[in-house]
Amino acid sequence: MENYIENTAYKKAANNVKKIKNFYNHLQLFVIVMFVVVLFYGTIITFFEARISNLNSLKWIKANIWINALLWFFGLIIHGIYVFKFKTDFMDKWEQKKVEEIMKKNKK
């Protein structure tokens, strides 16, 4: 039984490390893409200005770039809150209960 508890604790810790790693990968990708967008924003807008005559479409492109960046930023914040701040004990307890239930069924 002690080995099972250690194994379960190890799996839980490994799962938490994986979640943290995924968040940092998400953050890294966000920073890189936003750096590229900020760096080349003028070039992007110039590209579209030369090819689009409708000013409303150009306004839409400008707004779309920053709205998508803002939405991605909010998604990143939610991801960070999920990973670091609000650990739900309910889900952890439910998972542990289900694992034990299935293990008991398999022993029979």
PDB file of N, CA and C in Angstrom:
ATOM      1  N   MET A   1       0.823  -1.192   0.000  1.00  0.00           N
ATOM      2  CA  MET A   1       0.000   0.000   0.000  1.00  0.00           C
ATOM      3  C   MET A   1       0.872   1.263   0.000  1.00  0.00           C
ATOM      4  N   GLU A   2       1.969   1.217   0.732  1.00  0.00           N
ATOM      5  CA  GLU A   2       2.856   2.373   0.806  1.00  0.00           C
ATOM      6  C   GLU A   2       3.450   2.684  -0.571  1.00  0.00           C
ATOM      7  N   ASN A   3       3.782   1.632  -1.308  1.00  0.00           N
ATOM      8  CA  ASN A   3       4.324   1.805  -2.658  1.00  0.00           C
ATOM      9  C   ASN A   3       3.284   2.467  -3.563  1.00  0.00           C
ATOM     10  N   TYR A   4       2.027   2.081  -3.399  1.00  0.00           N
ATOM     11  CA  TYR A   4       0.944   2.673  -4.188  1.00  0.00           C
ATOM     12  C   TYR A   4       0.821   4.166  -3.888  1.00  0.00           C
ATOM     13  N   ILE A   5       0.915   4.532  -2.610  1.00  0.00           N
ATOM     14  CA  ILE A   5       0.802   5.934  -2.215  1.00  0.00           C
ATOM     15  C   ILE A   5       1.969   6.735  -2.786  1.00  0.00           C
ATOM     16  N   GLU A   6       3.185   6.179  -2.704  1.00  0.00           N
ATOM     17  CA  GLU A   6       4.350   6.863  -3.265  1.00  0.00           C
ATOM     18  C   GLU A   6       4.216   7.013  -4.775  1.00  0.00           C
ATOM     19  N   ASN A   7       3.723   5.953  -5.424  1.00  0.00           N
ATOM     20  CA  ASN A   7       3.538   5.980  -6.872  1.00  0.00           C
ATOM     21  C   ASN A   7       2.484   7.027  -7.258  1.00  0.00           C
ATOM     22  N   THR A   8       1.408   7.088  -6.489  1.00  0.00           N
ATOM     23  CA  THR A   8       0.358   8.066  -6.751  1.00  0.00           C
ATOM     24  C   THR A   8       0.877   9.486  -6.536  1.00  0.00           C
ATOM     25  N   ALA A   9       1.635   9.685  -5.474  1.00  0.00           N
ATOM     26  CA  ALA A   9       2.206  11.010  -5.195  1.00  0.00           C
ATOM     27  C   ALA A   9       3.180  11.411  -6.305  1.00  0.00           C
ATOM     28  N   TYR A  10       3.959  10.452  -6.778  1.00  0.00           N
ATOM     29  CA  TYR A  10       4.899  10.731  -7.863  1.00  0.00           C
ATOM     30  C   TYR A  10       4.145  11.125  -9.130  1.00  0.00           C
ATOM     31  N   LYS A  11       3.088  10.368  -9.456  1.00  0.00           N
ATOM     32  CA  LYS A  11       2.315  10.683 -10.664  1.00  0.00           C
ATOM     33  C   LYS A  11       1.660  12.058 -10.556  1.00  0.00           C
ATOM     34  N   LYS A  12       1.164  12.392  -9.370  1.00  0.00           N
ATOM     35  CA  LYS A  12       0.534  13.691  -9.168  1.00  0.00           C
ATOM     36  C   LYS A  12       1.562  14.810  -9.325  1.00  0.00           C
ATOM     37  N   ALA A  13       2.751  14.609  -8.746  1.00  0.00           N
ATOM     38  CA  ALA A  13       3.812  15.613  -8.860  1.00  0.00           C
ATOM     39  C   ALA A  13       4.264  15.745 -10.314  1.00  0.00           C
ATOM     40  N   ALA A  14       4.404  14.622 -11.006  1.00  0.00           N
ATOM     41  CA  ALA A  14       4.813  14.652 -12.414  1.00  0.00           C
ATOM     42  C   ALA A  14       3.758  15.358 -13.258  1.00  0.00           C
ATOM     43  N   ASN A  15       2.496  15.149 -12.946  1.00  0.00           N
ATOM     44  CA  ASN A  15       1.410  15.806 -13.669  1.00  0.00           C
ATOM     45  C   ASN A  15       1.451  17.324 -13.439  1.00  0.00           C
ATOM     46  N   ASN A  16       1.719  17.732 -12.197  1.00  0.00           N
ATOM     47  CA  ASN A  16       1.821  19.162 -11.904  1.00  0.00           C
ATOM     48  C   ASN A  16       2.993  19.799 -12.630  1.00  0.00           C
ATOM     49  N   VAL A  17       4.116  19.100 -12.683  1.00  0.00           N
ATOM     50  CA  VAL A  17       5.284  19.612 -13.406  1.00  0.00           C
ATOM     51  C   VAL A  17       4.968  19.745 -14.891  1.00  0.00           C
ATOM     52  N   LYS A  18       4.229  18.790 -15.434  1.00  0.00           N
ATOM     53  CA  LYS A  18       3.857  18.841 -16.845  1.00  0.00           C
ATOM     54  C   LYS A  18       2.955  20.050 -17.117  1.00  0.00           C
ATOM     55  N   LYS A  19       2.009  20.323 -16.205  1.00  0.00           N
ATOM     56  CA  LYS A  19       1.131  21.483 -16.369  1.00  0.00           C
ATOM     57  C   LYS A  19       1.926  22.784 -16.329  1.00  0.00           C
ATOM     58  N   ILE A  20       2.874  22.867 -15.411  1.00  0.00           N
ATOM     59  CA  ILE A  20       3.704  24.071 -15.301  1.00  0.00           C
ATOM     60  C   ILE A  20       4.563  24.242 -16.550  1.00  0.00           C
ATOM     61  N   LYS A  21       5.126  23.142 -17.035  1.00  0.00           N
ATOM     62  CA  LYS A  21       5.946  23.190 -18.251  1.00  0.00           C
ATOM     63  C   LYS A  21       5.108  23.655 -19.444  1.00  0.00           C
ATOM     64  N   ASN A  22       3.886  23.137 -19.553  1.00  0.00           N
ATOM     65  CA  ASN A  22       3.007  23.551 -20.650  1.00  0.00           C
ATOM     66  C   ASN A  22       2.676  25.039 -20.567  1.00  0.00           C
ATOM     67  N   PHE A  23       2.480  25.538 -19.337  1.00  0.00           N
ATOM     68  CA  PHE A  23       2.215  26.975 -19.186  1.00  0.00           C
ATOM     69  C   PHE A  23       3.421  27.792 -19.647  1.00  0.00           C
ATOM     70  N   TYR A  24       4.617  27.398 -19.237  1.00  0.00           N
ATOM     71  CA  TYR A  24       5.806  28.141 -19.648  1.00  0.00           C
ATOM     72  C   TYR A  24       6.021  28.076 -21.158  1.00  0.00           C
ATOM     73  N   ASN A  25       5.700  26.953 -21.780  1.00  0.00           N
ATOM     74  CA  ASN A  25       5.780  26.869 -23.243  1.00  0.00           C
ATOM     75  C   ASN A  25       4.777  27.825 -23.889  1.00  0.00           C
ATOM     76  N   HIS A  26       3.571  27.886 -23.326  1.00  0.00           N
ATOM     77  CA  HIS A  26       2.533  28.783 -23.814  1.00  0.00           C
ATOM     78  C   HIS A  26       2.992  30.239 -23.679  1.00  0.00           C
ATOM     79  N   LEU A  27       3.566  30.579 -22.526  1.00  0.00           N
ATOM     80  CA  LEU A  27       4.062  31.927 -22.279  1.00  0.00           C
ATOM     81  C   LEU A  27       5.193  32.282 -23.252  1.00  0.00           C
ATOM     82  N   GLN A  28       6.093  31.351 -23.467  1.00  0.00           N
ATOM     83  CA  GLN A  28       7.214  31.577 -24.379  1.00  0.00           C
ATOM     84  C   GLN A  28       6.716  31.832 -25.798  1.00  0.00           C
ATOM     85  N   LEU A  29       5.772  31.047 -26.249  1.00  0.00           N
ATOM     86  CA  LEU A  29       5.222  31.229 -27.585  1.00  0.00           C
ATOM     87  C   LEU A  29       4.524  32.578 -27.707  1.00  0.00           C
ATOM     88  N   PHE A  30       3.778  32.963 -26.676  1.00  0.00           N
ATOM     89  CA  PHE A  30       3.095  34.254 -26.675  1.00  0.00           C
ATOM     90  C   PHE A  30       4.099  35.398 -26.792  1.00  0.00           C
ATOM     91  N   VAL A  31       5.154  35.359 -25.998  1.00  0.00           N
ATOM     92  CA  VAL A  31       6.155  36.433 -26.009  1.00  0.00           C
ATOM     93  C   VAL A  31       6.829  36.524 -27.372  1.00  0.00           C
ATOM     94  N   ILE A  32       7.193  35.392 -27.941  1.00  0.00           N
ATOM     95  CA  ILE A  32       7.854  35.393 -29.248  1.00  0.00           C
ATOM     96  C   ILE A  32       6.942  35.961 -30.328  1.00  0.00           C
ATOM     97  N   VAL A  33       5.702  35.499 -30.368  1.00  0.00           N
ATOM     98  CA  VAL A  33       4.773  35.969 -31.397  1.00  0.00           C
ATOM     99  C   VAL A  33       4.465  37.453 -31.219  1.00  0.00           C
ATOM    100  N   MET A  34       4.255  37.893 -29.983  1.00  0.00           N
ATOM    101  CA  MET A  34       3.971  39.316 -29.752  1.00  0.00           C
ATOM    102  C   MET A  34       5.181  40.190 -30.103  1.00  0.00           C
ATOM    103  N   PHE A  35       6.373  39.696 -29.838  1.00  0.00           N
ATOM    104  CA  PHE A  35       7.585  40.422 -30.224  1.00  0.00           C
ATOM    105  C   PHE A  35       7.628  40.595 -31.747  1.00  0.00           C
ATOM    106  N   VAL A  36       7.340  39.536 -32.471  1.00  0.00           N
ATOM    107  CA  VAL A  36       7.341  39.596 -33.934  1.00  0.00           C
ATOM    108  C   VAL A  36       6.244  40.539 -34.431  1.00  0.00           C
ATOM    109  N   VAL A  37       5.058  40.465 -33.837  1.00  0.00           N
ATOM    110  CA  VAL A  37       3.957  41.336 -34.259  1.00  0.00           C
ATOM    111  C   VAL A  37       4.309  42.798 -34.020  1.00  0.00           C
ATOM    112  N   VAL A  38       4.835  43.112 -32.837  1.00  0.00           N
ATOM    113  CA  VAL A  38       5.202  44.501 -32.536  1.00  0.00           C
ATOM    114  C   VAL A  38       6.342  44.966 -33.449  1.00  0.00           C
ATOM    115  N   LEU A  39       7.307  44.103 -33.669  1.00  0.00           N
ATOM    116  CA  LEU A  39       8.449  44.453 -34.492  1.00  0.00           C
ATOM    117  C   LEU A  39       8.051  44.724 -35.947  1.00  0.00           C
ATOM    118  N   PHE A  40       7.146  43.904 -36.475  1.00  0.00           N
ATOM    119  CA  PHE A  40       6.776  44.003 -37.884  1.00  0.00           C
ATOM    120  C   PHE A  40       5.390  44.592 -38.115  1.00  0.00           C
ATOM    121  N   TYR A  41       4.808  45.214 -37.105  1.00  0.00           N
ATOM    122  CA  TYR A  41       3.457  45.771 -37.251  1.00  0.00           C
ATOM    123  C   TYR A  41       3.390  46.769 -38.407  1.00  0.00           C
ATOM    124  N   GLY A  42       4.329  47.670 -38.469  1.00  0.00           N
ATOM    125  CA  GLY A  42       4.351  48.667 -39.544  1.00  0.00           C
ATOM    126  C   GLY A  42       4.465  48.025 -40.918  1.00  0.00           C
ATOM    127  N   THR A  43       5.293  47.018 -41.019  1.00  0.00           N
ATOM    128  CA  THR A  43       5.473  46.306 -42.290  1.00  0.00           C
ATOM    129  C   THR A  43       4.196  45.577 -42.694  1.00  0.00           C
ATOM    130  N   ILE A  44       3.548  44.979 -41.728  1.00  0.00           N
ATOM    131  CA  ILE A  44       2.299  44.257 -42.001  1.00  0.00           C
ATOM    132  C   ILE A  44       1.234  45.225 -42.498  1.00  0.00           C
ATOM    133  N   ILE A  45       1.090  46.345 -41.803  1.00  0.00           N
ATOM    134  CA  ILE A  45       0.077  47.327 -42.193  1.00  0.00           C
ATOM    135  C   ILE A  45       0.406  47.928 -43.558  1.00  0.00           C
ATOM    136  N   THR A  46       1.671  48.222 -43.817  1.00  0.00           N
ATOM    137  CA  THR A  46       2.078  48.748 -45.128  1.00  0.00           C
ATOM    138  C   THR A  46       1.763  47.751 -46.234  1.00  0.00           C
ATOM    139  N   PHE A  47       1.998  46.476 -45.962  1.00  0.00           N
ATOM    140  CA  PHE A  47       1.689  45.422 -46.937  1.00  0.00           C
ATOM    141  C   PHE A  47       0.211  45.464 -47.308  1.00  0.00           C
ATOM    142  N   PHE A  48      -0.657  45.557 -46.300  1.00  0.00           N
ATOM    143  CA  PHE A  48      -2.088  45.555 -46.575  1.00  0.00           C
ATOM    144  C   PHE A  48      -2.571  46.889 -47.155  1.00  0.00           C
ATOM    145  N   GLU A  49      -1.965  47.995 -46.747  1.00  0.00           N
ATOM    146  CA  GLU A  49      -2.343  49.297 -47.315  1.00  0.00           C
ATOM    147  C   GLU A  49      -2.112  49.339 -48.817  1.00  0.00           C
ATOM    148  N   ALA A  50      -1.042  48.689 -49.274  1.00  0.00           N
ATOM    149  CA  ALA A  50      -0.719  48.680 -50.705  1.00  0.00           C
ATOM    150  C   ALA A  50      -1.680  47.798 -51.497  1.00  0.00           C
ATOM    151  N   ARG A  51      -2.349  46.868 -50.845  1.00  0.00           N
ATOM    152  CA  ARG A  51      -3.183  45.905 -51.563  1.00  0.00           C
ATOM    153  C   ARG A  51      -4.677  46.059 -51.313  1.00  0.00           C
ATOM    154  N   ILE A  52      -5.058  46.861 -50.310  1.00  0.00           N
ATOM    155  CA  ILE A  52      -6.476  47.003 -49.976  1.00  0.00           C
ATOM    156  C   ILE A  52      -6.865  48.464 -50.151  1.00  0.00           C
ATOM    157  N   SER A  53      -7.909  48.689 -50.916  1.00  0.00           N
ATOM    158  CA  SER A  53      -8.363  50.066 -51.128  1.00  0.00           C
ATOM    159  C   SER A  53      -9.478  50.454 -50.161  1.00  0.00           C
ATOM    160  N   ASN A  54     -10.147  49.491 -49.578  1.00  0.00           N
ATOM    161  CA  ASN A  54     -11.237  49.753 -48.643  1.00  0.00           C
ATOM    162  C   ASN A  54     -10.659  50.070 -47.261  1.00  0.00           C
ATOM    163  N   LEU A  55     -10.886  51.290 -46.787  1.00  0.00           N
ATOM    164  CA  LEU A  55     -10.339  51.704 -45.500  1.00  0.00           C
ATOM    165  C   LEU A  55     -10.949  50.935 -44.340  1.00  0.00           C
ATOM    166  N   ASN A  56     -12.204  50.537 -44.481  1.00  0.00           N
ATOM    167  CA  ASN A  56     -12.832  49.757 -43.404  1.00  0.00           C
ATOM    168  C   ASN A  56     -12.153  48.397 -43.224  1.00  0.00           C
ATOM    169  N   SER A  57     -11.746  47.816 -44.322  1.00  0.00           N
ATOM    170  CA  SER A  57     -11.034  46.544 -44.232  1.00  0.00           C
ATOM    171  C   SER A  57      -9.679  46.729 -43.551  1.00  0.00           C
ATOM    172  N   LEU A  58      -9.033  47.816 -43.843  1.00  0.00           N
ATOM    173  CA  LEU A  58      -7.744  48.099 -43.218  1.00  0.00           C
ATOM    174  C   LEU A  58      -7.909  48.335 -41.712  1.00  0.00           C
ATOM    175  N   LYS A  59      -8.951  49.047 -41.326  1.00  0.00           N
ATOM    176  CA  LYS A  59      -9.243  49.244 -39.898  1.00  0.00           C
ATOM    177  C   LYS A  59      -9.525  47.905 -39.226  1.00  0.00           C
ATOM    178  N   TRP A  60     -10.247  47.039 -39.941  1.00  0.00           N
ATOM    179  CA  TRP A  60     -10.571  45.726 -39.396  1.00  0.00           C
ATOM    180  C   TRP A  60      -9.297  44.912 -39.166  1.00  0.00           C
ATOM    181  N   ILE A  61      -8.364  44.989 -40.106  1.00  0.00           N
ATOM    182  CA  ILE A  61      -7.094  44.254 -39.970  1.00  0.00           C
ATOM    183  C   ILE A  61      -6.318  44.763 -38.760  1.00  0.00           C
ATOM    184  N   LYS A  62      -6.223  46.089 -38.615  1.00  0.00           N
ATOM    185  CA  LYS A  62      -5.514  46.666 -37.474  1.00  0.00           C
ATOM    186  C   LYS A  62      -6.153  46.236 -36.156  1.00  0.00           C
ATOM    187  N   ALA A  63      -7.465  46.344 -36.090  1.00  0.00           N
ATOM    188  CA  ALA A  63      -8.174  45.964 -34.867  1.00  0.00           C
ATOM    189  C   ALA A  63      -8.044  44.468 -34.599  1.00  0.00           C
ATOM    190  N   ASN A  64      -8.117  43.693 -35.648  1.00  0.00           N
ATOM    191  CA  ASN A  64      -8.059  42.230 -35.502  1.00  0.00           C
ATOM    192  C   ASN A  64      -6.719  41.776 -34.937  1.00  0.00           C
ATOM    193  N   ILE A  65      -5.651  42.419 -35.351  1.00  0.00           N
ATOM    194  CA  ILE A  65      -4.326  42.058 -34.840  1.00  0.00           C
ATOM    195  C   ILE A  65      -4.289  42.235 -33.331  1.00  0.00           C
ATOM    196  N   TRP A  66      -4.740  43.389 -32.839  1.00  0.00           N
ATOM    197  CA  TRP A  66      -4.638  43.670 -31.403  1.00  0.00           C
ATOM    198  C   TRP A  66      -5.723  42.973 -30.584  1.00  0.00           C
ATOM    199  N   ILE A  67      -6.897  42.778 -31.161  1.00  0.00           N
ATOM    200  CA  ILE A  67      -7.941  42.039 -30.437  1.00  0.00           C
ATOM    201  C   ILE A  67      -7.514  40.596 -30.234  1.00  0.00           C
ATOM    202  N   ASN A  68      -6.958  39.978 -31.264  1.00  0.00           N
ATOM    203  CA  ASN A  68      -6.478  38.596 -31.118  1.00  0.00           C
ATOM    204  C   ASN A  68      -5.349  38.501 -30.097  1.00  0.00           C
ATOM    205  N   ALA A  69      -4.460  39.495 -30.092  1.00  0.00           N
ATOM    206  CA  ALA A  69      -3.380  39.508 -29.101  1.00  0.00           C
ATOM    207  C   ALA A  69      -3.956  39.627 -27.691  1.00  0.00           C
ATOM    208  N   LEU A  70      -4.947  40.483 -27.532  1.00  0.00           N
ATOM    209  CA  LEU A  70      -5.577  40.673 -26.226  1.00  0.00           C
ATOM    210  C   LEU A  70      -6.306  39.413 -25.770  1.00  0.00           C
ATOM    211  N   LEU A  71      -7.029  38.784 -26.670  1.00  0.00           N
ATOM    212  CA  LEU A  71      -7.727  37.536 -26.318  1.00  0.00           C
ATOM    213  C   LEU A  71      -6.729  36.437 -25.944  1.00  0.00           C
ATOM    214  N   TRP A  72      -5.637  36.352 -26.669  1.00  0.00           N
ATOM    215  CA  TRP A  72      -4.614  35.360 -26.354  1.00  0.00           C
ATOM    216  C   TRP A  72      -4.014  35.646 -24.971  1.00  0.00           C
ATOM    217  N   PHE A  73      -3.797  36.950 -24.678  1.00  0.00           N
ATOM    218  CA  PHE A  73      -3.265  37.334 -23.375  1.00  0.00           C
ATOM    219  C   PHE A  73      -4.217  36.912 -22.253  1.00  0.00           C
ATOM    220  N   PHE A  74      -5.518  37.133 -22.443  1.00  0.00           N
ATOM    221  CA  PHE A  74      -6.497  36.695 -21.437  1.00  0.00           C
ATOM    222  C   PHE A  74      -6.481  35.178 -21.282  1.00  0.00           C
ATOM    223  N   GLY A  75      -6.355  34.469 -22.381  1.00  0.00           N
ATOM    224  CA  GLY A  75      -6.243  33.008 -22.313  1.00  0.00           C
ATOM    225  C   GLY A  75      -5.006  32.577 -21.547  1.00  0.00           C
ATOM    226  N   LEU A  76      -3.919  33.290 -21.750  1.00  0.00           N
ATOM    227  CA  LEU A  76      -2.681  33.004 -21.030  1.00  0.00           C
ATOM    228  C   LEU A  76      -2.852  33.257 -19.531  1.00  0.00           C
ATOM    229  N   ILE A  77      -3.537  34.333 -19.178  1.00  0.00           N
ATOM    230  CA  ILE A  77      -3.803  34.620 -17.770  1.00  0.00           C
ATOM    231  C   ILE A  77      -4.648  33.507 -17.145  1.00  0.00           C
ATOM    232  N   ILE A  78      -5.674  33.079 -17.839  1.00  0.00           N
ATOM    233  CA  ILE A  78      -6.527  32.002 -17.328  1.00  0.00           C
ATOM    234  C   ILE A  78      -5.724  30.718 -17.172  1.00  0.00           C
ATOM    235  N   HIS A  79      -4.870  30.427 -18.134  1.00  0.00           N
ATOM    236  CA  HIS A  79      -4.014  29.246 -18.056  1.00  0.00           C
ATOM    237  C   HIS A  79      -3.109  29.332 -16.823  1.00  0.00           C
ATOM    238  N   GLY A  80      -2.508  30.501 -16.594  1.00  0.00           N
ATOM    239  CA  GLY A  80      -1.636  30.690 -15.437  1.00  0.00           C
ATOM    240  C   GLY A  80      -2.383  30.549 -14.120  1.00  0.00           C
ATOM    241  N   ILE A  81      -3.586  31.109 -14.059  1.00  0.00           N
ATOM    242  CA  ILE A  81      -4.392  30.980 -12.838  1.00  0.00           C
ATOM    243  C   ILE A  81      -4.713  29.518 -12.580  1.00  0.00           C
ATOM    244  N   TYR A  82      -5.067  28.798 -13.628  1.00  0.00           N
ATOM    245  CA  TYR A  82      -5.390  27.379 -13.473  1.00  0.00           C
ATOM    246  C   TYR A  82      -4.182  26.590 -12.973  1.00  0.00           C
ATOM    247  N   VAL A  83      -3.020  26.880 -13.518  1.00  0.00           N
ATOM    248  CA  VAL A  83      -1.819  26.111 -13.172  1.00  0.00           C
ATOM    249  C   VAL A  83      -1.294  26.465 -11.786  1.00  0.00           C
ATOM    250  N   PHE A  84      -1.263  27.750 -11.446  1.00  0.00           N
ATOM    251  CA  PHE A  84      -0.570  28.168 -10.230  1.00  0.00           C
ATOM    252  C   PHE A  84      -1.473  28.530  -9.052  1.00  0.00           C
ATOM    253  N   LYS A  85      -2.558  29.194  -9.299  1.00  0.00           N
ATOM    254  CA  LYS A  85      -3.296  29.799  -8.194  1.00  0.00           C
ATOM    255  C   LYS A  85      -4.406  28.901  -7.648  1.00  0.00           C
ATOM    256  N   PHE A  86      -5.365  28.591  -8.451  1.00  0.00           N
ATOM    257  CA  PHE A  86      -6.559  27.918  -7.972  1.00  0.00           C
ATOM    258  C   PHE A  86      -6.498  26.425  -8.260  1.00  0.00           C
ATOM    259  N   LYS A  87      -5.896  25.712  -7.350  1.00  0.00           N
ATOM    260  CA  LYS A  87      -5.869  24.258  -7.461  1.00  0.00           C
ATOM    261  C   LYS A  87      -7.189  23.731  -6.907  1.00  0.00           C
ATOM    262  N   THR A  88      -7.913  23.012  -7.706  1.00  0.00           N
ATOM    263  CA  THR A  88      -9.203  22.513  -7.246  1.00  0.00           C
ATOM    264  C   THR A  88      -9.004  21.153  -6.599  1.00  0.00           C
ATOM    265  N   ASP A  89      -9.240  21.112  -5.312  1.00  0.00           N
ATOM    266  CA  ASP A  89      -9.138  19.854  -4.591  1.00  0.00           C
ATOM    267  C   ASP A  89     -10.249  18.895  -4.991  1.00  0.00           C
ATOM    268  N   PHE A  90     -11.372  19.458  -5.417  1.00  0.00           N
ATOM    269  CA  PHE A  90     -12.493  18.610  -5.808  1.00  0.00           C
ATOM    270  C   PHE A  90     -12.095  17.641  -6.915  1.00  0.00           C
ATOM    271  N   MET A  91     -11.441  18.154  -7.954  1.00  0.00           N
ATOM    272  CA  MET A  91     -11.053  17.291  -9.079  1.00  0.00           C
ATOM    273  C   MET A  91     -10.008  16.267  -8.647  1.00  0.00           C
ATOM    274  N   ASP A  92      -9.057  16.689  -7.820  1.00  0.00           N
ATOM    275  CA  ASP A  92      -8.033  15.760  -7.355  1.00  0.00           C
ATOM    276  C   ASP A  92      -8.651  14.630  -6.539  1.00  0.00           C
ATOM    277  N   LYS A  93      -9.564  14.981  -5.646  1.00  0.00           N
ATOM    278  CA  LYS A  93     -10.234  13.969  -4.816  1.00  0.00           C
ATOM    279  C   LYS A  93     -11.084  13.048  -5.681  1.00  0.00           C
ATOM    280  N   TRP A  94     -11.772  13.613  -6.651  1.00  0.00           N
ATOM    281  CA  TRP A  94     -12.602  12.800  -7.525  1.00  0.00           C
ATOM    282  C   TRP A  94     -11.751  11.825  -8.326  1.00  0.00           C
ATOM    283  N   GLU A  95     -10.621  12.309  -8.878  1.00  0.00           N
ATOM    284  CA  GLU A  95      -9.729  11.431  -9.634  1.00  0.00           C
ATOM    285  C   GLU A  95      -9.203  10.301  -8.762  1.00  0.00           C
ATOM    286  N   GLN A  96      -8.774  10.633  -7.555  1.00  0.00           N
ATOM    287  CA  GLN A  96      -8.244   9.612  -6.648  1.00  0.00           C
ATOM    288  C   GLN A  96      -9.323   8.597  -6.299  1.00  0.00           C
ATOM    289  N   LYS A  97     -10.532   9.066  -6.053  1.00  0.00           N
ATOM    290  CA  LYS A  97     -11.642   8.177  -5.717  1.00  0.00           C
ATOM    291  C   LYS A  97     -11.945   7.231  -6.886  1.00  0.00           C
ATOM    292  N   LYS A  98     -11.959   7.761  -8.102  1.00  0.00           N
ATOM    293  CA  LYS A  98     -12.223   6.939  -9.283  1.00  0.00           C
ATOM    294  C   LYS A  98     -11.125   5.901  -9.509  1.00  0.00           C
ATOM    295  N   VAL A  99      -9.874   6.310  -9.317  1.00  0.00           N
ATOM    296  CA  VAL A  99      -8.758   5.369  -9.482  1.00  0.00           C
ATOM    297  C   VAL A  99      -8.888   4.227  -8.492  1.00  0.00           C
ATOM    298  N   GLU A 100      -9.177   4.557  -7.243  1.00  0.00           N
ATOM    299  CA  GLU A 100      -9.333   3.512  -6.223  1.00  0.00           C
ATOM    300  C   GLU A 100     -10.519   2.610  -6.541  1.00  0.00           C
ATOM    301  N   GLU A 101     -11.609   3.192  -7.019  1.00  0.00           N
ATOM    302  CA  GLU A 101     -12.798   2.419  -7.379  1.00  0.00           C
ATOM    303  C   GLU A 101     -12.492   1.441  -8.512  1.00  0.00           C
ATOM    304  N   ILE A 102     -11.794   1.906  -9.520  1.00  0.00           N
ATOM    305  CA  ILE A 102     -11.458   1.044 -10.654  1.00  0.00           C
ATOM    306  C   ILE A 102     -10.470  -0.033 -10.248  1.00  0.00           C
ATOM    307  N   MET A 103      -9.523   0.310  -9.378  1.00  0.00           N
ATOM    308  CA  MET A 103      -8.561  -0.688  -8.900  1.00  0.00           C
ATOM    309  C   MET A 103      -9.279  -1.774  -8.106  1.00  0.00           C
ATOM    310  N   LYS A 104     -10.264  -1.413  -7.293  1.00  0.00           N
ATOM    311  CA  LYS A 104     -11.015  -2.412  -6.547  1.00  0.00           C
ATOM    312  C   LYS A 104     -11.796  -3.329  -7.482  1.00  0.00           C
ATOM    313  N   LYS A 105     -12.372  -2.761  -8.540  1.00  0.00           N
ATOM    314  CA  LYS A 105     -13.113  -3.571  -9.530  1.00  0.00           C
ATOM    315  C   LYS A 105     -12.178  -4.539 -10.227  1.00  0.00           C
ATOM    316  N   ASN A 106     -10.979  -4.086 -10.563  1.00  0.00           N
ATOM    317  CA  ASN A 106     -10.028  -4.936 -11.279  1.00  0.00           C
ATOM    318  C   ASN A 106      -9.476  -6.058 -10.413  1.00  0.00           C
ATOM    319  N   LYS A 107      -9.433  -5.860  -9.080  1.00  0.00           N
ATOM    320  CA  LYS A 107      -8.962  -6.897  -8.182  1.00  0.00           C
ATOM    321  C   LYS A 107      -9.974  -8.034  -8.058  1.00  0.00           C
ATOM    322  N   LYS A 108     -11.245  -7.725  -8.258  1.00  0.00           N
ATOM    323  CA  LYS A 108     -12.300  -8.746  -8.104  1.00  0.00           C
ATOM    324  C   LYS A 108     -12.315  -9.701  -9.221  1.00  0.00           C
TER     325      LYS A 108
END
